[in-house]
Amino acid sequence: MHISFLSLFLILFFTACSSKINIRSIEPSAIKSHKIKNIHIKSFKNDSINLEEEIKDQMFKLSFEGKKYFNLINNERHADILKEQVLQDSGIIQLKKENPVFTFQEAQSILWGKILKKEIDENTYYKEKTNYNKCVQYLKNKKGERYCSQYYEYEISCLEKKYLLLVQIEIAEVINAQTLYLGNFSATHSTTKCSNNPYGQASNRKVFSKLKKQVVSDFMKIIAPSYSYKDFILLDSPYIKYSSKEEDLLEEALSLIKNKQIKEANILLNELVLSTKSKSYIALYNLALSYEALNELERSLAYYLKAKELMFNEDNKEELSSSLKRIKESIKNKTLANKQLKY
């Protein structure tokens, strides 16, 4: 189908100008067992980039509503603690009642891994360049005017570096050694430095540090709940006859959303739905989106379903279908993630 340049411009223009709303959704951990939360981290093999420390740091920092998600068990002191407990139990040391008893919380899972590959592939190649400020041959045109017929050409050398970091991570239960997770993570990066570029390439250390953080970020999204953020387009064409008051409600609600005042916009969208007696597909759809942004997912689903009953515009059919699928998945994910957070 032929699309004129003007039509394409208008599509891009109005898409760019459309009001958007940012929605945060939670993804549950891929590991269902709660035993992963009391975890001991063993040393990683071939760990020349301190991957183990980065994992410990990110797991230690992770919290939801002020509560830490992981309890990192330091088994390095277990031997000393056990020796102290043996002495207490033997009676060799007499403790008063007020003396504290040495106890520790056992790890329910163990995490370990290894760096499978940490590689740099270097490739030197040459590029042809032309210096248009340096003429090597002049000719004259019919009017006798000189012009440059050939400029100075030369080659520059370029060094391309391709980085690869490949890591294997495994988690197992302590009691029965059952594998809770086993997976590989890879991260790549490439840099190019040509001889005419005065700026140097990033050091290998910095590049691998960046790749390490990428690997750990991907890993954390698997072993713990995580948030994702995405923009969705609000609808701004009424499709039915709006009163001037209703047009103002829609316009002001969209303006508030643009300024990230979602609660205030939600109030106005509720007013709009009441004013239109729930007969405006656009009002219902935008209200559903606002409830989704406020994390009131069941209410959001209810209004998406009401919007579906009124939908007559084929252009929005796919969009609504996608929203319904998303909100149902979000409700399921939220329920599972909340269970994981309660342990």
C-alpha atoms as a PDB file:
ATOM      1  CA  MET A   1       0.000   0.000   0.000  1.00  0.00           C
ATOM      2  CA  HIS A   2       1.364   3.392  -1.026  1.00  0.00           C
ATOM      3  CA  ILE A   3       1.738   5.951   1.777  1.00  0.00           C
ATOM      4  CA  SER A   4       2.483   9.508   0.788  1.00  0.00           C
ATOM      5  CA  PHE A   5       5.230  11.486   2.479  1.00  0.00           C
ATOM      6  CA  LEU A   6       2.639  13.845   3.989  1.00  0.00           C
ATOM      7  CA  SER A   7       0.617  10.944   5.425  1.00  0.00           C
ATOM      8  CA  LEU A   8       3.729   9.422   6.938  1.00  0.00           C
ATOM      9  CA  PHE A   9       4.718  12.786   8.408  1.00  0.00           C
ATOM     10  CA  LEU A  10       1.284  13.243   9.992  1.00  0.00           C
ATOM     11  CA  ILE A  11       1.331   9.737  11.485  1.00  0.00           C
ATOM     12  CA  LEU A  12       4.751  10.334  13.021  1.00  0.00           C
ATOM     13  CA  PHE A  13       3.802  13.844  14.157  1.00  0.00           C
ATOM     14  CA  PHE A  14       0.629  12.852  15.978  1.00  0.00           C
ATOM     15  CA  THR A  15       2.239   9.751  17.460  1.00  0.00           C
ATOM     16  CA  ALA A  16       5.013  11.902  18.886  1.00  0.00           C
ATOM     17  CA  CYS A  17       2.525  14.447  20.225  1.00  0.00           C
ATOM     18  CA  SER A  18       0.142  11.897  21.739  1.00  0.00           C
ATOM     19  CA  SER A  19      -0.249  11.921  25.512  1.00  0.00           C
ATOM     20  CA  LYS A  20       1.500   9.029  27.210  1.00  0.00           C
ATOM     21  CA  ILE A  21       1.257   7.458  30.631  1.00  0.00           C
ATOM     22  CA  ASN A  22       4.056   5.562  32.327  1.00  0.00           C
ATOM     23  CA  ILE A  23       3.076   2.281  33.962  1.00  0.00           C
ATOM     24  CA  ARG A  24       5.165   0.345  36.433  1.00  0.00           C
ATOM     25  CA  SER A  25       4.598  -3.388  36.685  1.00  0.00           C
ATOM     26  CA  ILE A  26       6.216  -6.007  38.881  1.00  0.00           C
ATOM     27  CA  GLU A  27       7.702  -9.226  37.551  1.00  0.00           C
ATOM     28  CA  PRO A  28       7.970 -12.157  39.988  1.00  0.00           C
ATOM     29  CA  SER A  29      11.148 -14.119  40.507  1.00  0.00           C
ATOM     30  CA  ALA A  30      11.579 -17.071  38.154  1.00  0.00           C
ATOM     31  CA  ILE A  31      12.614 -19.146  41.177  1.00  0.00           C
ATOM     32  CA  LYS A  32       9.519 -20.224  43.076  1.00  0.00           C
ATOM     33  CA  SER A  33      11.233 -21.677  46.162  1.00  0.00           C
ATOM     34  CA  HIS A  34      11.441 -19.232  49.073  1.00  0.00           C
ATOM     35  CA  LYS A  35      14.605 -20.993  50.275  1.00  0.00           C
ATOM     36  CA  ILE A  36      16.628 -18.846  47.928  1.00  0.00           C
ATOM     37  CA  LYS A  37      16.126 -15.914  50.298  1.00  0.00           C
ATOM     38  CA  ASN A  38      18.399 -17.353  53.038  1.00  0.00           C
ATOM     39  CA  ILE A  39      21.481 -17.832  50.924  1.00  0.00           C
ATOM     40  CA  HIS A  40      25.225 -18.290  51.205  1.00  0.00           C
ATOM     41  CA  ILE A  41      27.459 -17.203  48.317  1.00  0.00           C
ATOM     42  CA  LYS A  42      30.564 -19.262  47.658  1.00  0.00           C
ATOM     43  CA  SER A  43      33.648 -18.102  45.825  1.00  0.00           C
ATOM     44  CA  PHE A  44      33.444 -17.910  42.029  1.00  0.00           C
ATOM     45  CA  LYS A  45      36.002 -19.663  39.866  1.00  0.00           C
ATOM     46  CA  ASN A  46      38.188 -17.635  37.510  1.00  0.00           C
ATOM     47  CA  ASP A  47      36.805 -14.470  39.073  1.00  0.00           C
ATOM     48  CA  SER A  48      39.307 -11.824  38.017  1.00  0.00           C
ATOM     49  CA  ILE A  49      36.642  -9.079  37.861  1.00  0.00           C
ATOM     50  CA  ASN A  50      35.125  -9.435  41.371  1.00  0.00           C
ATOM     51  CA  LEU A  51      31.825 -10.767  40.058  1.00  0.00           C
ATOM     52  CA  GLU A  52      31.094 -12.474  43.375  1.00  0.00           C
ATOM     53  CA  GLU A  53      31.367  -9.163  45.243  1.00  0.00           C
ATOM     54  CA  GLU A  54      29.090  -7.411  42.754  1.00  0.00           C
ATOM     55  CA  ILE A  55      26.429 -10.112  43.220  1.00  0.00           C
ATOM     56  CA  LYS A  56      26.728  -9.892  47.011  1.00  0.00           C
ATOM     57  CA  ASP A  57      26.451  -6.109  46.881  1.00  0.00           C
ATOM     58  CA  GLN A  58      23.332  -6.090  44.690  1.00  0.00           C
ATOM     59  CA  MET A  59      21.629  -8.858  46.679  1.00  0.00           C
ATOM     60  CA  PHE A  60      22.416  -7.066  49.950  1.00  0.00           C
ATOM     61  CA  LYS A  61      21.008  -3.758  48.665  1.00  0.00           C
ATOM     62  CA  LEU A  62      17.796  -5.187  47.231  1.00  0.00           C
ATOM     63  CA  SER A  63      14.776  -4.259  49.334  1.00  0.00           C
ATOM     64  CA  PHE A  64      11.049  -3.735  48.901  1.00  0.00           C
ATOM     65  CA  GLU A  65       9.250  -1.160  51.041  1.00  0.00           C
ATOM     66  CA  GLY A  66      12.222  -0.988  53.398  1.00  0.00           C
ATOM     67  CA  LYS A  67      12.516  -4.749  53.877  1.00  0.00           C
ATOM     68  CA  LYS A  68      15.540  -6.616  52.555  1.00  0.00           C
ATOM     69  CA  TYR A  69      14.659  -9.391  50.140  1.00  0.00           C
ATOM     70  CA  PHE A  70      17.725 -11.575  50.707  1.00  0.00           C
ATOM     71  CA  ASN A  71      19.331 -12.690  53.943  1.00  0.00           C
ATOM     72  CA  LEU A  72      22.978 -13.265  53.096  1.00  0.00           C
ATOM     73  CA  ILE A  73      24.450 -15.913  55.374  1.00  0.00           C
ATOM     74  CA  ASN A  74      28.128 -15.542  56.163  1.00  0.00           C
ATOM     75  CA  ASN A  75      29.367 -19.095  56.633  1.00  0.00           C
ATOM     76  CA  GLU A  76      32.944 -17.970  57.228  1.00  0.00           C
ATOM     77  CA  ARG A  77      32.216 -17.624  60.966  1.00  0.00           C
ATOM     78  CA  HIS A  78      30.320 -20.908  61.292  1.00  0.00           C
ATOM     79  CA  ALA A  79      33.398 -22.894  62.356  1.00  0.00           C
ATOM     80  CA  ASP A  80      34.222 -20.465  65.195  1.00  0.00           C
ATOM     81  CA  ILE A  81      30.591 -20.358  66.321  1.00  0.00           C
ATOM     82  CA  LEU A  82      30.332 -24.153  66.338  1.00  0.00           C
ATOM     83  CA  LYS A  83      33.517 -24.455  68.431  1.00  0.00           C
ATOM     84  CA  GLU A  84      32.060 -22.015  70.955  1.00  0.00           C
ATOM     85  CA  GLN A  85      28.795 -23.984  71.106  1.00  0.00           C
ATOM     86  CA  VAL A  86      30.718 -27.243  71.697  1.00  0.00           C
ATOM     87  CA  LEU A  87      32.526 -25.689  74.643  1.00  0.00           C
ATOM     88  CA  GLN A  88      29.259 -24.453  76.113  1.00  0.00           C
ATOM     89  CA  ASP A  89      27.556 -27.821  75.712  1.00  0.00           C
ATOM     90  CA  SER A  90      30.511 -29.721  77.250  1.00  0.00           C
ATOM     91  CA  GLY A  91      30.319 -27.791  80.483  1.00  0.00           C
ATOM     92  CA  ILE A  92      33.985 -26.808  80.309  1.00  0.00           C
ATOM     93  CA  ILE A  93      32.833 -23.212  80.238  1.00  0.00           C
ATOM     94  CA  GLN A  94      30.202 -22.251  82.830  1.00  0.00           C
ATOM     95  CA  LEU A  95      27.941 -19.532  81.525  1.00  0.00           C
ATOM     96  CA  LYS A  96      25.636 -17.407  83.604  1.00  0.00           C
ATOM     97  CA  LYS A  97      22.004 -17.261  82.554  1.00  0.00           C
ATOM     98  CA  GLU A  98      22.402 -13.733  81.309  1.00  0.00           C
ATOM     99  CA  ASN A  99      25.322 -14.738  79.041  1.00  0.00           C
ATOM    100  CA  PRO A 100      24.327 -14.796  75.387  1.00  0.00           C
ATOM    101  CA  VAL A 101      24.231 -18.107  73.554  1.00  0.00           C
ATOM    102  CA  PHE A 102      25.937 -18.195  70.163  1.00  0.00           C
ATOM    103  CA  THR A 103      23.448 -19.026  67.437  1.00  0.00           C
ATOM    104  CA  PHE A 104      23.320 -18.522  63.695  1.00  0.00           C
ATOM    105  CA  GLN A 105      20.741 -18.862  61.037  1.00  0.00           C
ATOM    106  CA  GLU A 106      21.440 -21.687  58.605  1.00  0.00           C
ATOM    107  CA  ALA A 107      21.604 -21.001  54.915  1.00  0.00           C
ATOM    108  CA  GLN A 108      18.861 -22.770  52.990  1.00  0.00           C
ATOM    109  CA  SER A 109      20.528 -22.329  49.618  1.00  0.00           C
ATOM    110  CA  ILE A 110      23.991 -21.870  48.192  1.00  0.00           C
ATOM    111  CA  LEU A 111      25.022 -19.822  45.180  1.00  0.00           C
ATOM    112  CA  TRP A 112      28.209 -20.316  43.230  1.00  0.00           C
ATOM    113  CA  GLY A 113      29.482 -19.948  39.712  1.00  0.00           C
ATOM    114  CA  LYS A 114      32.372 -19.413  37.376  1.00  0.00           C
ATOM    115  CA  ILE A 115      33.486 -17.185  34.566  1.00  0.00           C
ATOM    116  CA  LEU A 116      33.454 -19.341  31.454  1.00  0.00           C
ATOM    117  CA  LYS A 117      34.820 -16.752  29.066  1.00  0.00           C
ATOM    118  CA  LYS A 118      36.412 -13.352  29.414  1.00  0.00           C
ATOM    119  CA  GLU A 119      37.680 -12.548  25.961  1.00  0.00           C
ATOM    120  CA  ILE A 120      38.886  -9.654  23.841  1.00  0.00           C
ATOM    121  CA  ASP A 121      38.977 -10.101  20.085  1.00  0.00           C
ATOM    122  CA  GLU A 122      41.135  -7.438  18.413  1.00  0.00           C
ATOM    123  CA  ASN A 123      41.000  -6.610  14.725  1.00  0.00           C
ATOM    124  CA  THR A 124      43.080  -3.998  12.900  1.00  0.00           C
ATOM    125  CA  TYR A 125      41.801  -2.667   9.594  1.00  0.00           C
ATOM    126  CA  TYR A 126      42.332   0.342   7.347  1.00  0.00           C
ATOM    127  CA  LYS A 127      39.977   3.011   6.049  1.00  0.00           C
ATOM    128  CA  GLU A 128      40.445   5.266   3.062  1.00  0.00           C
ATOM    129  CA  LYS A 129      40.038   8.966   3.761  1.00  0.00           C
ATOM    130  CA  THR A 130      40.112  12.075   1.591  1.00  0.00           C
ATOM    131  CA  ASN A 131      41.492  15.423   2.649  1.00  0.00           C
ATOM    132  CA  TYR A 132      39.386  17.983   0.765  1.00  0.00           C
ATOM    133  CA  ASN A 133      41.624  20.779   2.004  1.00  0.00           C
ATOM    134  CA  LYS A 134      44.606  19.383   0.111  1.00  0.00           C
ATOM    135  CA  CYS A 135      44.541  19.244  -3.675  1.00  0.00           C
ATOM    136  CA  VAL A 136      47.103  17.151  -5.545  1.00  0.00           C
ATOM    137  CA  GLN A 137      46.011  17.927  -9.107  1.00  0.00           C
ATOM    138  CA  TYR A 138      44.441  20.974 -10.724  1.00  0.00           C
ATOM    139  CA  LEU A 139      42.784  21.309 -14.131  1.00  0.00           C
ATOM    140  CA  LYS A 140      41.255  24.193 -16.023  1.00  0.00           C
ATOM    141  CA  ASN A 141      37.710  24.377 -17.348  1.00  0.00           C
ATOM    142  CA  LYS A 142      36.727  25.911 -20.685  1.00  0.00           C
ATOM    143  CA  LYS A 143      36.721  29.341 -19.138  1.00  0.00           C
ATOM    144  CA  GLY A 144      40.303  28.902 -18.013  1.00  0.00           C
ATOM    145  CA  GLU A 145      39.335  28.643 -14.351  1.00  0.00           C
ATOM    146  CA  ARG A 146      41.339  26.289 -12.187  1.00  0.00           C
ATOM    147  CA  TYR A 147      39.596  23.583 -10.213  1.00  0.00           C
ATOM    148  CA  CYS A 148      40.780  20.631  -8.181  1.00  0.00           C
ATOM    149  CA  SER A 149      40.382  17.361 -10.040  1.00  0.00           C
ATOM    150  CA  GLN A 150      41.987  15.183  -7.392  1.00  0.00           C
ATOM    151  CA  TYR A 151      42.272  15.550  -3.629  1.00  0.00           C
ATOM    152  CA  TYR A 152      44.798  13.939  -1.319  1.00  0.00           C
ATOM    153  CA  GLU A 153      43.803  10.394  -0.345  1.00  0.00           C
ATOM    154  CA  TYR A 154      45.313   8.469   2.517  1.00  0.00           C
ATOM    155  CA  GLU A 155      44.689   5.512   4.820  1.00  0.00           C
ATOM    156  CA  ILE A 156      44.134   5.442   8.555  1.00  0.00           C
ATOM    157  CA  SER A 157      44.424   2.393  10.783  1.00  0.00           C
ATOM    158  CA  CYS A 158      41.602   1.411  13.115  1.00  0.00           C
ATOM    159  CA  LEU A 159      41.604  -0.978  16.036  1.00  0.00           C
ATOM    160  CA  GLU A 160      38.332  -2.730  16.811  1.00  0.00           C
ATOM    161  CA  LYS A 161      37.935  -4.559  20.100  1.00  0.00           C
ATOM    162  CA  LYS A 162      35.115  -7.003  20.747  1.00  0.00           C
ATOM    163  CA  TYR A 163      34.559  -7.970  24.373  1.00  0.00           C
ATOM    164  CA  LEU A 164      32.749 -11.067  25.631  1.00  0.00           C
ATOM    165  CA  LEU A 165      31.889 -12.041  29.185  1.00  0.00           C
ATOM    166  CA  LEU A 166      30.207 -15.416  29.720  1.00  0.00           C
ATOM    167  CA  VAL A 167      29.220 -16.504  33.213  1.00  0.00           C
ATOM    168  CA  GLN A 168      27.580 -19.597  34.667  1.00  0.00           C
ATOM    169  CA  ILE A 169      25.642 -19.307  37.937  1.00  0.00           C
ATOM    170  CA  GLU A 170      24.056 -22.102  39.936  1.00  0.00           C
ATOM    171  CA  ILE A 171      21.879 -22.139  43.044  1.00  0.00           C
ATOM    172  CA  ALA A 172      21.044 -25.294  45.016  1.00  0.00           C
ATOM    173  CA  GLU A 173      19.211 -26.194  48.205  1.00  0.00           C
ATOM    174  CA  VAL A 174      21.457 -27.017  51.148  1.00  0.00           C
ATOM    175  CA  ILE A 175      19.517 -30.003  52.496  1.00  0.00           C
ATOM    176  CA  ASN A 176      18.873 -32.102  49.397  1.00  0.00           C
ATOM    177  CA  ALA A 177      21.273 -30.444  46.925  1.00  0.00           C
ATOM    178  CA  GLN A 178      18.373 -29.909  44.512  1.00  0.00           C
ATOM    179  CA  THR A 179      19.226 -27.376  41.834  1.00  0.00           C
ATOM    180  CA  LEU A 180      17.039 -24.294  42.135  1.00  0.00           C
ATOM    181  CA  TYR A 181      18.620 -22.481  39.230  1.00  0.00           C
ATOM    182  CA  LEU A 182      21.319 -23.042  36.634  1.00  0.00           C
ATOM    183  CA  GLY A 183      21.946 -20.602  33.835  1.00  0.00           C
ATOM    184  CA  ASN A 184      24.477 -18.817  31.671  1.00  0.00           C
ATOM    185  CA  PHE A 185      24.683 -15.060  31.238  1.00  0.00           C
ATOM    186  CA  SER A 186      26.570 -13.250  28.529  1.00  0.00           C
ATOM    187  CA  ALA A 187      27.355  -9.614  27.839  1.00  0.00           C
ATOM    188  CA  THR A 188      29.168  -8.094  24.880  1.00  0.00           C
ATOM    189  CA  HIS A 189      30.619  -4.738  23.958  1.00  0.00           C
ATOM    190  CA  SER A 190      32.672  -3.369  21.079  1.00  0.00           C
ATOM    191  CA  THR A 191      34.895  -0.312  20.689  1.00  0.00           C
ATOM    192  CA  THR A 192      36.714   1.216  17.732  1.00  0.00           C
ATOM    193  CA  LYS A 193      39.683   3.584  17.814  1.00  0.00           C
ATOM    194  CA  CYS A 194      41.098   5.038  14.593  1.00  0.00           C
ATOM    195  CA  SER A 195      44.436   6.786  14.294  1.00  0.00           C
ATOM    196  CA  ASN A 196      42.802  10.138  13.490  1.00  0.00           C
ATOM    197  CA  ASN A 197      40.742  10.086  16.675  1.00  0.00           C
ATOM    198  CA  PRO A 198      42.462  11.965  19.530  1.00  0.00           C
ATOM    199  CA  TYR A 199      40.340  10.233  22.176  1.00  0.00           C
ATOM    200  CA  GLY A 200      41.474   6.880  23.517  1.00  0.00           C
ATOM    201  CA  GLN A 201      39.409   3.742  24.008  1.00  0.00           C
ATOM    202  CA  ALA A 202      38.007   2.800  27.395  1.00  0.00           C
ATOM    203  CA  SER A 203      40.352   0.570  29.374  1.00  0.00           C
ATOM    204  CA  ASN A 204      39.718  -3.181  29.359  1.00  0.00           C
ATOM    205  CA  ARG A 205      39.080  -2.975  33.092  1.00  0.00           C
ATOM    206  CA  LYS A 206      36.308  -0.414  32.656  1.00  0.00           C
ATOM    207  CA  VAL A 207      34.665  -2.364  29.860  1.00  0.00           C
ATOM    208  CA  PHE A 208      34.613  -5.620  31.820  1.00  0.00           C
ATOM    209  CA  SER A 209      33.313  -3.750  34.866  1.00  0.00           C
ATOM    210  CA  LYS A 210      30.402  -2.532  32.714  1.00  0.00           C
ATOM    211  CA  LEU A 211      29.765  -6.050  31.390  1.00  0.00           C
ATOM    212  CA  LYS A 212      29.882  -7.421  34.923  1.00  0.00           C
ATOM    213  CA  LYS A 213      27.166  -5.017  36.052  1.00  0.00           C
ATOM    214  CA  GLN A 214      25.038  -5.971  33.033  1.00  0.00           C
ATOM    215  CA  VAL A 215      25.359  -9.686  33.852  1.00  0.00           C
ATOM    216  CA  VAL A 216      24.442  -9.111  37.505  1.00  0.00           C
ATOM    217  CA  SER A 217      21.473  -6.931  36.515  1.00  0.00           C
ATOM    218  CA  ASP A 218      20.136  -9.678  34.229  1.00  0.00           C
ATOM    219  CA  PHE A 219      20.706 -12.272  36.955  1.00  0.00           C
ATOM    220  CA  MET A 220      18.896 -10.213  39.614  1.00  0.00           C
ATOM    221  CA  LYS A 221      15.792 -10.000  37.417  1.00  0.00           C
ATOM    222  CA  ILE A 222      15.596 -13.801  37.508  1.00  0.00           C
ATOM    223  CA  ILE A 223      16.223 -14.522  41.177  1.00  0.00           C
ATOM    224  CA  ALA A 224      14.107 -11.712  42.647  1.00  0.00           C
ATOM    225  CA  PRO A 225      11.000  -9.689  41.794  1.00  0.00           C
ATOM    226  CA  SER A 226      11.762  -6.648  39.659  1.00  0.00           C
ATOM    227  CA  TYR A 227       9.957  -3.632  38.267  1.00  0.00           C
ATOM    228  CA  SER A 228       9.606  -2.727  34.623  1.00  0.00           C
ATOM    229  CA  TYR A 229       8.445   0.603  33.200  1.00  0.00           C
ATOM    230  CA  LYS A 230       6.726   1.309  29.917  1.00  0.00           C
ATOM    231  CA  ASP A 231       4.862   4.195  28.275  1.00  0.00           C
ATOM    232  CA  PHE A 232       1.377   3.720  26.801  1.00  0.00           C
ATOM    233  CA  ILE A 233      -0.545   6.124  24.587  1.00  0.00           C
ATOM    234  CA  LEU A 234      -3.772   7.645  25.883  1.00  0.00           C
ATOM    235  CA  LEU A 235      -6.658   8.186  23.494  1.00  0.00           C
ATOM    236  CA  ASP A 236      -7.720  11.777  22.879  1.00  0.00           C
ATOM    237  CA  SER A 237     -10.448  11.575  20.217  1.00  0.00           C
ATOM    238  CA  PRO A 238     -13.902  11.329  21.840  1.00  0.00           C
ATOM    239  CA  TYR A 239     -15.623   9.424  18.958  1.00  0.00           C
ATOM    240  CA  ILE A 240     -18.953  10.459  20.493  1.00  0.00           C
ATOM    241  CA  LYS A 241     -20.377  13.966  20.930  1.00  0.00           C
ATOM    242  CA  TYR A 242     -18.779  15.570  24.001  1.00  0.00           C
ATOM    243  CA  SER A 243     -20.124  18.651  25.731  1.00  0.00           C
ATOM    244  CA  SER A 244     -17.710  21.523  26.234  1.00  0.00           C
ATOM    245  CA  LYS A 245     -17.416  20.515  29.888  1.00  0.00           C
ATOM    246  CA  GLU A 246     -16.546  16.936  28.939  1.00  0.00           C
ATOM    247  CA  GLU A 247     -13.971  18.124  26.421  1.00  0.00           C
ATOM    248  CA  ASP A 248     -12.388  20.245  29.161  1.00  0.00           C
ATOM    249  CA  LEU A 249     -12.332  17.252  31.539  1.00  0.00           C
ATOM    250  CA  LEU A 250     -10.541  15.106  28.962  1.00  0.00           C
ATOM    251  CA  GLU A 251      -8.085  17.848  28.053  1.00  0.00           C
ATOM    252  CA  GLU A 252      -7.276  18.660  31.685  1.00  0.00           C
ATOM    253  CA  ALA A 253      -6.909  14.972  32.607  1.00  0.00           C
ATOM    254  CA  LEU A 254      -4.447  14.437  29.762  1.00  0.00           C
ATOM    255  CA  SER A 255      -2.524  17.530  30.857  1.00  0.00           C
ATOM    256  CA  LEU A 256      -2.302  16.248  34.437  1.00  0.00           C
ATOM    257  CA  ILE A 257      -1.034  12.872  33.252  1.00  0.00           C
ATOM    258  CA  LYS A 258       1.602  14.626  31.175  1.00  0.00           C
ATOM    259  CA  ASN A 259       2.746  16.282  34.416  1.00  0.00           C
ATOM    260  CA  LYS A 260       2.719  12.890  36.200  1.00  0.00           C
ATOM    261  CA  GLN A 261      -0.254  13.844  38.404  1.00  0.00           C
ATOM    262  CA  ILE A 262      -1.986  10.512  37.942  1.00  0.00           C
ATOM    263  CA  LYS A 263      -4.237  10.588  41.032  1.00  0.00           C
ATOM    264  CA  GLU A 264      -5.633  13.985  40.106  1.00  0.00           C
ATOM    265  CA  ALA A 265      -6.146  12.875  36.500  1.00  0.00           C
ATOM    266  CA  ASN A 266      -7.911   9.738  37.699  1.00  0.00           C
ATOM    267  CA  ILE A 267     -10.475  11.854  39.555  1.00  0.00           C
ATOM    268  CA  LEU A 268     -11.246  13.851  36.413  1.00  0.00           C
ATOM    269  CA  LEU A 269     -11.478  10.724  34.266  1.00  0.00           C
ATOM    270  CA  ASN A 270     -13.960   9.257  36.741  1.00  0.00           C
ATOM    271  CA  GLU A 271     -15.988  12.454  36.396  1.00  0.00           C
ATOM    272  CA  LEU A 272     -15.828  12.109  32.620  1.00  0.00           C
ATOM    273  CA  VAL A 273     -17.071   8.515  32.734  1.00  0.00           C
ATOM    274  CA  LEU A 274     -19.988   9.584  34.959  1.00  0.00           C
ATOM    275  CA  SER A 275     -20.771  12.580  32.783  1.00  0.00           C
ATOM    276  CA  THR A 276     -20.858  10.424  29.628  1.00  0.00           C
ATOM    277  CA  LYS A 277     -22.886   7.762  31.488  1.00  0.00           C
ATOM    278  CA  SER A 278     -20.205   5.141  30.763  1.00  0.00           C
ATOM    279  CA  LYS A 279     -20.946   5.386  27.035  1.00  0.00           C
ATOM    280  CA  SER A 280     -17.570   6.767  25.981  1.00  0.00           C
ATOM    281  CA  TYR A 281     -15.072   4.108  24.980  1.00  0.00           C
ATOM    282  CA  ILE A 282     -12.243   6.650  25.187  1.00  0.00           C
ATOM    283  CA  ALA A 283     -13.128   7.777  28.713  1.00  0.00           C
ATOM    284  CA  LEU A 284     -13.337   4.177  29.941  1.00  0.00           C
ATOM    285  CA  TYR A 285     -10.084   3.179  28.270  1.00  0.00           C
ATOM    286  CA  ASN A 286      -8.141   6.156  29.643  1.00  0.00           C
ATOM    287  CA  LEU A 287      -9.611   5.580  33.104  1.00  0.00           C
ATOM    288  CA  ALA A 288      -8.476   1.946  32.935  1.00  0.00           C
ATOM    289  CA  LEU A 289      -4.966   3.093  32.035  1.00  0.00           C
ATOM    290  CA  SER A 290      -4.904   5.539  34.948  1.00  0.00           C
ATOM    291  CA  TYR A 291      -5.934   2.800  37.412  1.00  0.00           C
ATOM    292  CA  GLU A 292      -3.236   0.557  35.948  1.00  0.00           C
ATOM    293  CA  ALA A 293      -0.664   3.310  36.540  1.00  0.00           C
ATOM    294  CA  LEU A 294      -1.904   3.594  40.133  1.00  0.00           C
ATOM    295  CA  ASN A 295      -1.435  -0.185  40.545  1.00  0.00           C
ATOM    296  CA  GLU A 296      -5.159  -0.733  41.124  1.00  0.00           C
ATOM    297  CA  LEU A 297      -5.167  -3.607  38.680  1.00  0.00           C
ATOM    298  CA  GLU A 298      -8.575  -5.169  39.408  1.00  0.00           C
ATOM    299  CA  ARG A 299     -10.295  -1.816  38.873  1.00  0.00           C
ATOM    300  CA  SER A 300      -8.263  -1.320  35.738  1.00  0.00           C
ATOM    301  CA  LEU A 301      -9.396  -4.689  34.365  1.00  0.00           C
ATOM    302  CA  ALA A 302     -13.048  -3.842  35.120  1.00  0.00           C
ATOM    303  CA  TYR A 303     -12.863  -0.631  33.065  1.00  0.00           C
ATOM    304  CA  TYR A 304     -10.979  -2.300  30.211  1.00  0.00           C
ATOM    305  CA  LEU A 305     -13.814  -4.838  30.006  1.00  0.00           C
ATOM    306  CA  LYS A 306     -16.408  -2.044  29.989  1.00  0.00           C
ATOM    307  CA  ALA A 307     -14.486  -0.335  27.203  1.00  0.00           C
ATOM    308  CA  LYS A 308     -14.493  -3.590  25.258  1.00  0.00           C
ATOM    309  CA  GLU A 309     -18.293  -3.694  25.350  1.00  0.00           C
ATOM    310  CA  LEU A 310     -18.440  -0.273  23.658  1.00  0.00           C
ATOM    311  CA  MET A 311     -15.623  -0.686  21.203  1.00  0.00           C
ATOM    312  CA  PHE A 312     -16.663  -0.085  17.625  1.00  0.00           C
ATOM    313  CA  ASN A 313     -13.486   1.409  16.167  1.00  0.00           C
ATOM    314  CA  GLU A 314     -11.364  -1.282  14.516  1.00  0.00           C
ATOM    315  CA  ASP A 315      -8.279   0.931  14.831  1.00  0.00           C
ATOM    316  CA  ASN A 316      -8.283   0.443  18.612  1.00  0.00           C
ATOM    317  CA  LYS A 317      -9.237  -3.244  18.629  1.00  0.00           C
ATOM    318  CA  GLU A 318      -5.664  -4.511  18.719  1.00  0.00           C
ATOM    319  CA  GLU A 319      -4.663  -1.936  21.325  1.00  0.00           C
ATOM    320  CA  LEU A 320      -7.478  -2.954  23.666  1.00  0.00           C
ATOM    321  CA  SER A 321      -6.802  -6.645  23.152  1.00  0.00           C
ATOM    322  CA  SER A 322      -3.165  -6.050  24.076  1.00  0.00           C
ATOM    323  CA  SER A 323      -4.184  -4.060  27.169  1.00  0.00           C
ATOM    324  CA  LEU A 324      -6.516  -6.803  28.390  1.00  0.00           C
ATOM    325  CA  LYS A 325      -3.829  -9.426  27.934  1.00  0.00           C
ATOM    326  CA  ARG A 326      -1.309  -7.222  29.747  1.00  0.00           C
ATOM    327  CA  ILE A 327      -3.531  -6.398  32.719  1.00  0.00           C
ATOM    328  CA  LYS A 328      -4.465 -10.043  33.276  1.00  0.00           C
ATOM    329  CA  GLU A 329      -0.798 -10.994  33.198  1.00  0.00           C
ATOM    330  CA  SER A 330       0.014  -8.112  35.561  1.00  0.00           C
ATOM    331  CA  ILE A 331      -2.594  -9.295  38.086  1.00  0.00           C
ATOM    332  CA  LYS A 332      -1.136 -12.796  38.003  1.00  0.00           C
ATOM    333  CA  ASN A 333       2.423 -11.505  38.345  1.00  0.00           C
ATOM    334  CA  LYS A 334       1.500  -9.162  41.184  1.00  0.00           C
ATOM    335  CA  THR A 335      -0.155 -11.987  43.143  1.00  0.00           C
ATOM    336  CA  LEU A 336       2.876 -14.245  42.739  1.00  0.00           C
ATOM    337  CA  ALA A 337       5.376 -11.488  43.504  1.00  0.00           C
ATOM    338  CA  ASN A 338       3.488 -10.503  46.673  1.00  0.00           C
ATOM    339  CA  LYS A 339       3.670 -14.113  47.882  1.00  0.00           C
ATOM    340  CA  GLN A 340       7.403 -14.104  47.278  1.00  0.00           C
ATOM    341  CA  LEU A 341       7.808 -10.817  49.167  1.00  0.00           C
ATOM    342  CA  LYS A 342       5.899 -12.103  52.222  1.00  0.00           C
ATOM    343  CA  TYR A 343       8.325 -14.943  52.979  1.00  0.00           C
END
